[in-house]
Amino acid sequence: MSFDEIGQTIRNARKSRKLTQRSLGAQLGMSRATISGIENGTVGEIGIRKMLTLCAALGIELVAQKKTRRPTLQQLMQEQSDA
């Protein structure tokens, strides 16, 4: 999962709870700019504890998994022709 996808998941969870970036940030002791940066994938660096706290507040979890190998162009073309 990319930083952009993580940010989108966080944004969707926040909006589903009808929270603004400012209100969520205040609840967690983070700035609105930090929440925005996480959601947009532009935050320079964020600690794992902050990320876990953010996820817990939104009812989502951060999961680590074994990295999979990206498919080759041939595999992608084959999948498309099979569809």
Protein backbone atom coordinates (compact mmCIF):
# COMPACT_ATOMS: atom_id res chain seq x y z
CA MET A 1 0.00 0.00 0.00
CA SER A 2 1.37 3.40 -0.94
CA PHE A 3 1.38 6.55 1.20
CA ASP A 4 -1.31 7.97 -1.07
CA GLU A 5 -3.54 4.94 -0.47
CA ILE A 6 -2.97 5.12 3.28
CA GLY A 7 -3.83 8.81 3.22
CA GLN A 8 -7.01 8.16 1.24
CA THR A 9 -8.05 5.46 3.72
CA ILE A 10 -7.49 7.85 6.61
CA ARG A 11 -9.41 10.63 4.83
CA ASN A 12 -12.35 8.32 4.12
CA ALA A 13 -12.44 7.09 7.72
CA ARG A 14 -12.30 10.66 9.05
CA LYS A 15 -15.08 11.84 6.75
CA SER A 16 -17.27 8.83 7.57
CA ARG A 17 -17.05 9.93 11.22
CA LYS A 18 -17.94 13.49 10.15
CA LEU A 19 -14.73 14.91 11.61
CA THR A 20 -12.82 17.86 10.22
CA GLN A 21 -9.05 17.73 9.98
CA ARG A 22 -8.93 20.41 12.67
CA SER A 23 -11.22 18.57 15.11
CA LEU A 24 -9.39 15.26 14.63
CA GLY A 25 -6.05 16.98 15.07
CA ALA A 26 -7.22 18.69 18.26
CA GLN A 27 -8.50 15.38 19.63
CA LEU A 28 -5.10 13.76 19.01
CA GLY A 29 -2.78 16.68 19.75
CA MET A 30 -1.76 17.02 16.08
CA SER A 31 -2.02 20.05 13.85
CA ARG A 32 -4.53 20.30 11.03
CA ALA A 33 -1.55 20.62 8.67
CA THR A 34 -0.18 17.27 9.86
CA ILE A 35 -3.53 15.54 9.28
CA SER A 36 -3.73 17.16 5.86
CA GLY A 37 -0.19 16.11 4.99
CA ILE A 38 -0.89 12.51 5.98
CA GLU A 39 -4.10 12.43 3.95
CA ASN A 40 -2.39 13.96 0.91
CA GLY A 41 0.78 11.87 1.19
CA THR A 42 2.91 15.00 1.52
CA VAL A 43 3.94 14.77 5.17
CA GLY A 44 7.73 14.59 5.34
CA GLU A 45 7.93 12.12 8.18
CA ILE A 46 5.58 10.77 10.83
CA GLY A 47 6.32 8.49 13.73
CA ILE A 48 4.74 5.07 13.97
CA ARG A 49 3.13 5.91 17.33
CA LYS A 50 1.37 8.93 15.82
CA MET A 51 0.18 6.83 12.90
CA LEU A 52 -1.10 4.08 15.20
CA THR A 53 -2.86 6.65 17.39
CA LEU A 54 -4.47 8.21 14.33
CA CYS A 55 -5.64 4.84 13.03
CA ALA A 56 -7.00 3.80 16.42
CA ALA A 57 -8.99 7.03 16.71
CA LEU A 58 -10.57 6.33 13.31
CA GLY A 59 -11.26 2.65 13.91
CA ILE A 60 -8.81 1.42 11.29
CA GLU A 61 -5.62 -0.56 11.64
CA LEU A 62 -2.19 -0.32 10.12
CA VAL A 63 -1.00 -3.72 8.96
CA ALA A 64 2.48 -4.83 7.94
CA GLN A 65 2.70 -7.64 5.45
CA LYS A 66 5.28 -9.40 3.39
CA LYS A 67 6.16 -7.44 0.28
CA THR A 68 4.99 -9.10 -2.90
CA ARG A 69 6.79 -8.93 -6.15
CA ARG A 70 5.23 -6.59 -8.68
CA PRO A 71 3.77 -8.26 -11.74
CA THR A 72 5.72 -8.07 -14.98
CA LEU A 73 4.38 -6.33 -18.07
CA GLN A 74 3.77 -9.76 -19.59
CA GLN A 75 1.67 -10.83 -16.60
CA LEU A 76 -0.39 -7.64 -16.72
CA MET A 77 -0.96 -8.03 -20.46
CA GLN A 78 -1.99 -11.65 -19.95
CA GLU A 79 -4.44 -10.70 -17.20
CA GLN A 80 -5.99 -8.06 -19.45
CA SER A 81 -6.37 -10.46 -22.36
CA ASP A 82 -7.98 -13.05 -20.06
CA ALA A 83 -10.61 -10.54 -18.90
